[in-house]
PDB file of N, CA and C in Angstrom:
ATOM      1  N   MET A   1       0.831  -1.086  -0.133  1.00  0.00           N
ATOM      2  CA  MET A   1       0.105  -0.053  -0.017  1.00  0.00           C
ATOM      3  C   MET A   1       0.848   1.141  -0.159  1.00  0.00           C
ATOM      4  N   GLU A   2       2.115   1.335   1.182  1.00  0.00           N
ATOM      5  CA  GLU A   2       2.823   2.349   0.593  1.00  0.00           C
ATOM      6  C   GLU A   2       3.693   2.913  -0.241  1.00  0.00           C
ATOM      7  N   SER A   3       3.921   1.359  -1.342  1.00  0.00           N
ATOM      8  CA  SER A   3       4.578   1.791  -2.318  1.00  0.00           C
ATOM      9  C   SER A   3       3.803   2.342  -3.385  1.00  0.00           C
ATOM     10  N   LEU A   4       2.452   2.139  -3.527  1.00  0.00           N
ATOM     11  CA  LEU A   4       1.467   2.835  -4.309  1.00  0.00           C
ATOM     12  C   LEU A   4       1.439   4.170  -4.103  1.00  0.00           C
ATOM     13  N   PHE A   5       1.087   4.510  -2.608  1.00  0.00           N
ATOM     14  CA  PHE A   5       1.296   5.590  -2.449  1.00  0.00           C
ATOM     15  C   PHE A   5       2.457   6.365  -3.014  1.00  0.00           C
ATOM     16  N   ASN A   6       3.589   5.861  -2.629  1.00  0.00           N
ATOM     17  CA  ASN A   6       4.912   6.846  -3.119  1.00  0.00           C
ATOM     18  C   ASN A   6       4.536   6.619  -4.725  1.00  0.00           C
ATOM     19  N   PHE A   7       4.140   6.025  -5.199  1.00  0.00           N
ATOM     20  CA  PHE A   7       4.519   6.010  -6.869  1.00  0.00           C
ATOM     21  C   PHE A   7       3.232   6.923  -7.394  1.00  0.00           C
ATOM     22  N   ARG A   8       2.346   7.227  -6.644  1.00  0.00           N
ATOM     23  CA  ARG A   8       1.125   8.115  -7.096  1.00  0.00           C
ATOM     24  C   ARG A   8       1.749   9.491  -6.959  1.00  0.00           C
ATOM     25  N   PHE A   9       2.526   9.573  -5.319  1.00  0.00           N
ATOM     26  CA  PHE A   9       3.255  10.668  -5.234  1.00  0.00           C
ATOM     27  C   PHE A   9       4.228  11.403  -5.885  1.00  0.00           C
ATOM     28  N   GLN A  10       4.978  10.512  -6.350  1.00  0.00           N
ATOM     29  CA  GLN A  10       6.296  10.541  -7.421  1.00  0.00           C
ATOM     30  C   GLN A  10       5.377  10.893  -8.377  1.00  0.00           C
ATOM     31  N   LYS A  11       4.371  10.568  -9.158  1.00  0.00           N
ATOM     32  CA  LYS A  11       4.013  10.908 -10.264  1.00  0.00           C
ATOM     33  C   LYS A  11       3.323  12.147 -10.460  1.00  0.00           C
ATOM     34  N   SER A  12       2.340  12.760  -9.128  1.00  0.00           N
ATOM     35  CA  SER A  12       1.981  13.810  -8.863  1.00  0.00           C
ATOM     36  C   SER A  12       3.144  14.855  -8.881  1.00  0.00           C
ATOM     37  N   LEU A  13       4.037  14.467  -8.232  1.00  0.00           N
ATOM     38  CA  LEU A  13       5.465  15.658  -8.376  1.00  0.00           C
ATOM     39  C   LEU A  13       5.755  16.114  -9.399  1.00  0.00           C
ATOM     40  N   GLN A  14       5.983  14.969 -10.456  1.00  0.00           N
ATOM     41  CA  GLN A  14       6.677  15.012 -11.830  1.00  0.00           C
ATOM     42  C   GLN A  14       5.651  15.643 -12.616  1.00  0.00           C
ATOM     43  N   GLN A  15       4.381  15.427 -12.499  1.00  0.00           N
ATOM     44  CA  GLN A  15       3.349  16.533 -13.062  1.00  0.00           C
ATOM     45  C   GLN A  15       3.564  17.964 -12.957  1.00  0.00           C
ATOM     46  N   LEU A  16       3.797  18.332 -11.721  1.00  0.00           N
ATOM     47  CA  LEU A  16       3.975  19.535 -11.307  1.00  0.00           C
ATOM     48  C   LEU A  16       5.265  20.371 -11.620  1.00  0.00           C
ATOM     49  N   GLU A  17       6.268  19.272 -11.690  1.00  0.00           N
ATOM     50  CA  GLU A  17       7.386  19.984 -12.170  1.00  0.00           C
ATOM     51  C   GLU A  17       7.759  19.972 -13.624  1.00  0.00           C
ATOM     52  N   HIS A  18       6.836  19.280 -14.312  1.00  0.00           N
ATOM     53  CA  HIS A  18       6.940  19.092 -16.002  1.00  0.00           C
ATOM     54  C   HIS A  18       6.703  20.514 -16.587  1.00  0.00           C
ATOM     55  N   PRO A  19       5.974  21.369 -16.313  1.00  0.00           N
ATOM     56  CA  PRO A  19       6.018  22.747 -16.886  1.00  0.00           C
ATOM     57  C   PRO A  19       7.306  23.405 -16.569  1.00  0.00           C
ATOM     58  N   LYS A  20       7.598  23.422 -15.474  1.00  0.00           N
ATOM     59  CA  LYS A  20       8.878  24.185 -15.093  1.00  0.00           C
ATOM     60  C   LYS A  20      10.098  23.319 -15.806  1.00  0.00           C
ATOM     61  N   VAL A  21      10.248  22.462 -16.301  1.00  0.00           N
ATOM     62  CA  VAL A  21      11.379  21.617 -17.092  1.00  0.00           C
ATOM     63  C   VAL A  21      11.223  22.012 -18.379  1.00  0.00           C
ATOM     64  N   ILE A  22       9.891  22.074 -18.958  1.00  0.00           N
ATOM     65  CA  ILE A  22       9.699  22.618 -20.413  1.00  0.00           C
ATOM     66  C   ILE A  22      10.214  24.083 -20.514  1.00  0.00           C
ATOM     67  N   ARG A  23       9.844  24.838 -19.476  1.00  0.00           N
ATOM     68  CA  ARG A  23      10.264  26.260 -19.690  1.00  0.00           C
ATOM     69  C   ARG A  23      11.622  26.285 -19.561  1.00  0.00           C
ATOM     70  N   GLU A  24      12.270  25.692 -18.621  1.00  0.00           N
ATOM     71  CA  GLU A  24      14.067  25.434 -18.420  1.00  0.00           C
ATOM     72  C   GLU A  24      14.572  25.266 -19.768  1.00  0.00           C
ATOM     73  N   THR A  25      13.979  24.047 -20.336  1.00  0.00           N
ATOM     74  CA  THR A  25      14.763  23.441 -21.906  1.00  0.00           C
ATOM     75  C   THR A  25      14.345  24.283 -22.740  1.00  0.00           C
ATOM     76  N   ARG A  26      13.331  24.886 -22.790  1.00  0.00           N
ATOM     77  CA  ARG A  26      13.061  25.629 -23.671  1.00  0.00           C
ATOM     78  C   ARG A  26      13.738  27.069 -24.085  1.00  0.00           C
ATOM     79  N   LYS A  27      14.213  27.928 -22.700  1.00  0.00           N
ATOM     80  CA  LYS A  27      15.114  29.051 -22.047  1.00  0.00           C
ATOM     81  C   LYS A  27      16.162  28.510 -22.757  1.00  0.00           C
ATOM     82  N   ASN A  28      16.931  27.529 -22.486  1.00  0.00           N
ATOM     83  CA  ASN A  28      18.331  26.793 -22.808  1.00  0.00           C
ATOM     84  C   ASN A  28      18.472  26.626 -24.348  1.00  0.00           C
ATOM     85  N   SER A  29      17.324  26.246 -24.629  1.00  0.00           N
ATOM     86  CA  SER A  29      17.447  26.039 -26.411  1.00  0.00           C
ATOM     87  C   SER A  29      17.353  27.233 -27.527  1.00  0.00           C
ATOM     88  N   TYR A  30      16.717  28.270 -26.869  1.00  0.00           N
ATOM     89  CA  TYR A  30      16.515  29.300 -27.441  1.00  0.00           C
ATOM     90  C   TYR A  30      17.795  30.171 -28.069  1.00  0.00           C
ATOM     91  N   GLY A  31      18.971  30.035 -27.111  1.00  0.00           N
ATOM     92  CA  GLY A  31      19.829  30.420 -27.218  1.00  0.00           C
ATOM     93  C   GLY A  31      20.152  31.952 -27.002  1.00  0.00           C
ATOM     94  N   ASP A  32      21.380  32.513 -27.468  1.00  0.00           N
ATOM     95  CA  ASP A  32      21.689  34.288 -26.763  1.00  0.00           C
ATOM     96  C   ASP A  32      20.472  35.330 -27.672  1.00  0.00           C
ATOM     97  N   ILE A  33      19.945  35.859 -26.799  1.00  0.00           N
ATOM     98  CA  ILE A  33      19.097  36.945 -27.096  1.00  0.00           C
ATOM     99  C   ILE A  33      19.865  38.148 -28.150  1.00  0.00           C
ATOM    100  N   GLY A  34      21.117  38.139 -28.119  1.00  0.00           N
ATOM    101  CA  GLY A  34      21.815  38.600 -29.289  1.00  0.00           C
ATOM    102  C   GLY A  34      22.088  38.028 -30.420  1.00  0.00           C
ATOM    103  N   ASP A  35      22.087  36.617 -30.382  1.00  0.00           N
ATOM    104  CA  ASP A  35      21.928  36.010 -31.729  1.00  0.00           C
ATOM    105  C   ASP A  35      20.176  36.116 -32.438  1.00  0.00           C
ATOM    106  N   GLN A  36      19.408  35.990 -31.691  1.00  0.00           N
ATOM    107  CA  GLN A  36      18.255  36.001 -31.983  1.00  0.00           C
ATOM    108  C   GLN A  36      17.773  37.172 -32.770  1.00  0.00           C
ATOM    109  N   LEU A  37      18.252  38.423 -32.034  1.00  0.00           N
ATOM    110  CA  LEU A  37      18.166  39.445 -32.711  1.00  0.00           C
ATOM    111  C   LEU A  37      18.618  39.748 -33.777  1.00  0.00           C
ATOM    112  N   ASP A  38      19.915  39.174 -33.909  1.00  0.00           N
ATOM    113  CA  ASP A  38      20.812  38.948 -35.285  1.00  0.00           C
ATOM    114  C   ASP A  38      19.718  38.125 -36.202  1.00  0.00           C
ATOM    115  N   MET A  39      18.982  37.055 -35.879  1.00  0.00           N
ATOM    116  CA  MET A  39      18.813  36.638 -36.713  1.00  0.00           C
ATOM    117  C   MET A  39      17.312  37.468 -37.146  1.00  0.00           C
ATOM    118  N   LEU A  40      16.883  37.911 -36.353  1.00  0.00           N
ATOM    119  CA  LEU A  40      15.658  38.870 -36.906  1.00  0.00           C
ATOM    120  C   LEU A  40      16.086  39.931 -37.903  1.00  0.00           C
ATOM    121  N   TYR A  41      17.114  40.699 -37.494  1.00  0.00           N
ATOM    122  CA  TYR A  41      17.381  41.858 -38.005  1.00  0.00           C
ATOM    123  C   TYR A  41      17.725  40.813 -39.631  1.00  0.00           C
ATOM    124  N   LYS A  42      18.778  40.078 -39.448  1.00  0.00           N
ATOM    125  CA  LYS A  42      18.519  39.506 -41.062  1.00  0.00           C
ATOM    126  C   LYS A  42      17.334  39.153 -41.919  1.00  0.00           C
ATOM    127  N   ASP A  43      16.580  38.571 -41.299  1.00  0.00           N
ATOM    128  CA  ASP A  43      15.285  38.374 -41.896  1.00  0.00           C
ATOM    129  C   ASP A  43      14.216  39.363 -42.224  1.00  0.00           C
ATOM    130  N   MET A  44      14.521  40.554 -41.425  1.00  0.00           N
ATOM    131  CA  MET A  44      13.812  42.018 -41.985  1.00  0.00           C
ATOM    132  C   MET A  44      15.017  42.208 -43.267  1.00  0.00           C
ATOM    133  N   LEU A  45      15.914  42.219 -42.875  1.00  0.00           N
ATOM    134  CA  LEU A  45      17.019  42.938 -44.566  1.00  0.00           C
ATOM    135  C   LEU A  45      16.287  41.951 -45.576  1.00  0.00           C
ATOM    136  N   ALA A  46      16.209  40.461 -45.392  1.00  0.00           N
ATOM    137  CA  ALA A  46      15.722  39.820 -46.388  1.00  0.00           C
ATOM    138  C   ALA A  46      14.096  39.371 -46.761  1.00  0.00           C
ATOM    139  N   GLY A  47      12.997  40.647 -46.039  1.00  0.00           N
ATOM    140  CA  GLY A  47      11.738  40.223 -46.237  1.00  0.00           C
ATOM    141  C   GLY A  47      11.345  39.377 -45.732  1.00  0.00           C
ATOM    142  N   LYS A  48      11.769  38.622 -44.856  1.00  0.00           N
ATOM    143  CA  LYS A  48      11.029  37.474 -44.287  1.00  0.00           C
ATOM    144  C   LYS A  48      10.850  37.467 -42.859  1.00  0.00           C
ATOM    145  N   LEU A  49       9.718  38.484 -42.517  1.00  0.00           N
ATOM    146  CA  LEU A  49       9.287  38.347 -41.134  1.00  0.00           C
ATOM    147  C   LEU A  49       8.019  37.317 -40.837  1.00  0.00           C
ATOM    148  N   ASP A  50       7.967  36.548 -41.542  1.00  0.00           N
ATOM    149  CA  ASP A  50       6.801  35.670 -41.433  1.00  0.00           C
ATOM    150  C   ASP A  50       7.449  33.853 -40.943  1.00  0.00           C
ATOM    151  N   ALA A  51       6.955  33.159 -41.578  1.00  0.00           N
ATOM    152  CA  ALA A  51       6.980  31.867 -41.044  1.00  0.00           C
ATOM    153  C   ALA A  51       8.356  31.401 -41.892  1.00  0.00           C
ATOM    154  N   THR A  52       9.030  31.962 -42.927  1.00  0.00           N
ATOM    155  CA  THR A  52       9.584  31.609 -43.631  1.00  0.00           C
ATOM    156  C   THR A  52      11.052  31.985 -43.075  1.00  0.00           C
ATOM    157  N   GLY A  53      10.999  33.185 -42.123  1.00  0.00           N
ATOM    158  CA  GLY A  53      12.543  33.445 -41.705  1.00  0.00           C
ATOM    159  C   GLY A  53      12.890  32.457 -40.930  1.00  0.00           C
ATOM    160  N   GLU A  54      14.557  32.549 -40.703  1.00  0.00           N
ATOM    161  CA  GLU A  54      15.270  32.013 -39.950  1.00  0.00           C
ATOM    162  C   GLU A  54      14.899  31.788 -38.222  1.00  0.00           C
ATOM    163  N   TRP A  55      14.591  33.199 -37.983  1.00  0.00           N
ATOM    164  CA  TRP A  55      14.281  33.140 -36.674  1.00  0.00           C
ATOM    165  C   TRP A  55      12.927  32.608 -36.272  1.00  0.00           C
ATOM    166  N   HIS A  56      12.157  32.786 -37.055  1.00  0.00           N
ATOM    167  CA  HIS A  56      11.110  31.827 -36.801  1.00  0.00           C
ATOM    168  C   HIS A  56      11.096  30.308 -36.986  1.00  0.00           C
ATOM    169  N   LYS A  57      11.671  29.774 -37.955  1.00  0.00           N
ATOM    170  CA  LYS A  57      12.099  28.310 -38.123  1.00  0.00           C
ATOM    171  C   LYS A  57      12.794  27.949 -36.501  1.00  0.00           C
ATOM    172  N   ALA A  58      13.558  28.804 -36.296  1.00  0.00           N
ATOM    173  CA  ALA A  58      14.781  28.030 -35.060  1.00  0.00           C
ATOM    174  C   ALA A  58      13.915  28.226 -33.733  1.00  0.00           C
ATOM    175  N   ILE A  59      12.730  29.176 -33.593  1.00  0.00           N
ATOM    176  CA  ILE A  59      11.881  29.440 -32.710  1.00  0.00           C
ATOM    177  C   ILE A  59      10.894  28.273 -32.428  1.00  0.00           C
ATOM    178  N   LYS A  60      10.525  27.826 -33.761  1.00  0.00           N
ATOM    179  CA  LYS A  60       9.508  26.752 -33.863  1.00  0.00           C
ATOM    180  C   LYS A  60       9.828  25.474 -33.581  1.00  0.00           C
ATOM    181  N   ALA A  61      11.270  25.283 -33.821  1.00  0.00           N
ATOM    182  CA  ALA A  61      11.855  23.899 -33.657  1.00  0.00           C
ATOM    183  C   ALA A  61      12.067  23.501 -32.316  1.00  0.00           C
ATOM    184  N   VAL A  62      12.453  24.640 -31.397  1.00  0.00           N
ATOM    185  CA  VAL A  62      12.452  24.449 -30.062  1.00  0.00           C
ATOM    186  C   VAL A  62      11.317  24.085 -29.481  1.00  0.00           C
ATOM    187  N   LYS A  63       9.927  25.137 -29.727  1.00  0.00           N
ATOM    188  CA  LYS A  63       9.015  24.571 -29.560  1.00  0.00           C
ATOM    189  C   LYS A  63       8.590  23.392 -29.764  1.00  0.00           C
ATOM    190  N   ASP A  64       8.320  23.007 -30.953  1.00  0.00           N
ATOM    191  CA  ASP A  64       7.887  21.636 -31.520  1.00  0.00           C
ATOM    192  C   ASP A  64       8.782  20.558 -30.779  1.00  0.00           C
ATOM    193  N   ALA A  65      10.087  20.764 -30.282  1.00  0.00           N
ATOM    194  CA  ALA A  65      10.698  19.855 -29.668  1.00  0.00           C
ATOM    195  C   ALA A  65      10.522  19.657 -28.198  1.00  0.00           C
ATOM    196  N   ASN A  66       9.888  20.935 -27.824  1.00  0.00           N
ATOM    197  CA  ASN A  66       9.862  20.980 -26.175  1.00  0.00           C
ATOM    198  C   ASN A  66       7.951  21.293 -26.130  1.00  0.00           C
ATOM    199  N   PRO A  67       6.990  20.586 -26.467  1.00  0.00           N
ATOM    200  CA  PRO A  67       5.600  21.008 -26.248  1.00  0.00           C
ATOM    201  C   PRO A  67       5.262  21.039 -24.860  1.00  0.00           C
ATOM    202  N   LYS A  68       4.363  21.873 -24.907  1.00  0.00           N
ATOM    203  CA  LYS A  68       3.743  22.340 -23.456  1.00  0.00           C
ATOM    204  C   LYS A  68       2.567  21.007 -23.419  1.00  0.00           C
ATOM    205  N   PRO A  69       2.395  20.722 -22.041  1.00  0.00           N
ATOM    206  CA  PRO A  69       1.740  19.596 -21.759  1.00  0.00           C
ATOM    207  C   PRO A  69      -0.021  20.130 -22.359  1.00  0.00           C
TER     208      PRO A  69
END
Protein backbone atom coordinates (compact mmCIF):
# COMPACT_ATOMS: atom_id res chain seq x y z
CA MET A 1 0.00 0.00 0.00
CA GLU A 2 2.81 2.39 0.89
CA SER A 3 4.57 1.77 -2.43
CA LEU A 4 1.37 2.63 -4.32
CA PHE A 5 1.12 5.87 -2.36
CA ASN A 6 4.77 6.68 -3.09
CA PHE A 7 4.26 5.95 -6.79
CA ARG A 8 1.21 8.23 -6.97
CA PHE A 9 2.99 10.93 -5.00
CA GLN A 10 6.03 10.78 -7.29
CA LYS A 11 3.78 10.86 -10.37
CA SER A 12 1.95 13.93 -9.02
CA LEU A 13 5.24 15.63 -8.23
CA GLN A 14 6.53 14.95 -11.75
CA GLN A 15 3.37 16.42 -13.25
CA LEU A 16 3.84 19.59 -11.20
CA GLU A 17 7.50 19.86 -12.17
CA HIS A 18 6.92 19.14 -15.88
CA PRO A 19 5.96 22.72 -16.93
CA LYS A 20 9.02 24.06 -15.10
CA VAL A 21 11.25 21.59 -16.90
CA ILE A 22 9.75 22.54 -20.26
CA ARG A 23 10.25 26.25 -19.57
CA GLU A 24 13.86 25.72 -18.51
CA THR A 25 14.62 23.47 -21.48
CA ARG A 26 13.12 25.97 -23.90
CA LYS A 27 14.95 28.85 -22.27
CA ASN A 28 18.27 27.07 -22.64
CA SER A 29 17.51 25.99 -26.21
CA TYR A 30 16.50 29.41 -27.57
CA GLY A 31 20.06 30.65 -27.45
CA ASP A 32 21.51 34.05 -26.76
CA ILE A 33 19.15 37.01 -27.17
CA GLY A 34 21.82 38.83 -29.21
CA ASP A 35 21.90 35.95 -31.69
CA GLN A 36 18.12 35.99 -31.88
CA LEU A 37 18.10 39.72 -32.59
CA ASP A 38 20.73 39.20 -35.28
CA MET A 39 18.52 36.54 -36.90
CA LEU A 40 15.56 38.92 -36.78
CA TYR A 41 17.61 41.72 -38.32
CA LYS A 42 18.78 39.48 -41.16
CA ASP A 43 15.19 38.29 -41.70
CA MET A 44 14.07 41.94 -41.87
CA LEU A 45 16.68 42.71 -44.52
CA ALA A 46 15.58 39.65 -46.48
CA GLY A 47 11.89 40.62 -46.15
CA LYS A 48 11.14 37.41 -44.24
CA LEU A 49 9.30 38.47 -41.10
CA ASP A 50 6.84 35.63 -41.59
CA ALA A 51 7.05 31.85 -41.09
CA THR A 52 9.79 31.60 -43.74
CA GLY A 53 12.32 33.56 -41.69
CA GLU A 54 15.23 31.87 -39.95
CA TRP A 55 14.26 33.26 -36.53
CA HIS A 56 10.76 31.81 -36.81
CA LYS A 57 12.13 28.45 -37.91
CA ALA A 58 14.59 28.34 -35.00
CA ILE A 59 11.97 29.26 -32.39
CA LYS A 60 9.43 26.84 -33.87
CA ALA A 61 11.98 24.02 -33.76
CA VAL A 62 12.53 24.61 -30.02
CA LYS A 63 8.79 24.76 -29.33
CA ASP A 64 8.13 21.62 -31.40
CA ALA A 65 10.90 19.72 -29.62
CA ASN A 66 9.57 20.80 -26.19
CA PRO A 67 5.76 20.94 -26.41
CA LYS A 68 3.67 22.17 -23.51
CA PRO A 69 1.40 19.55 -21.92
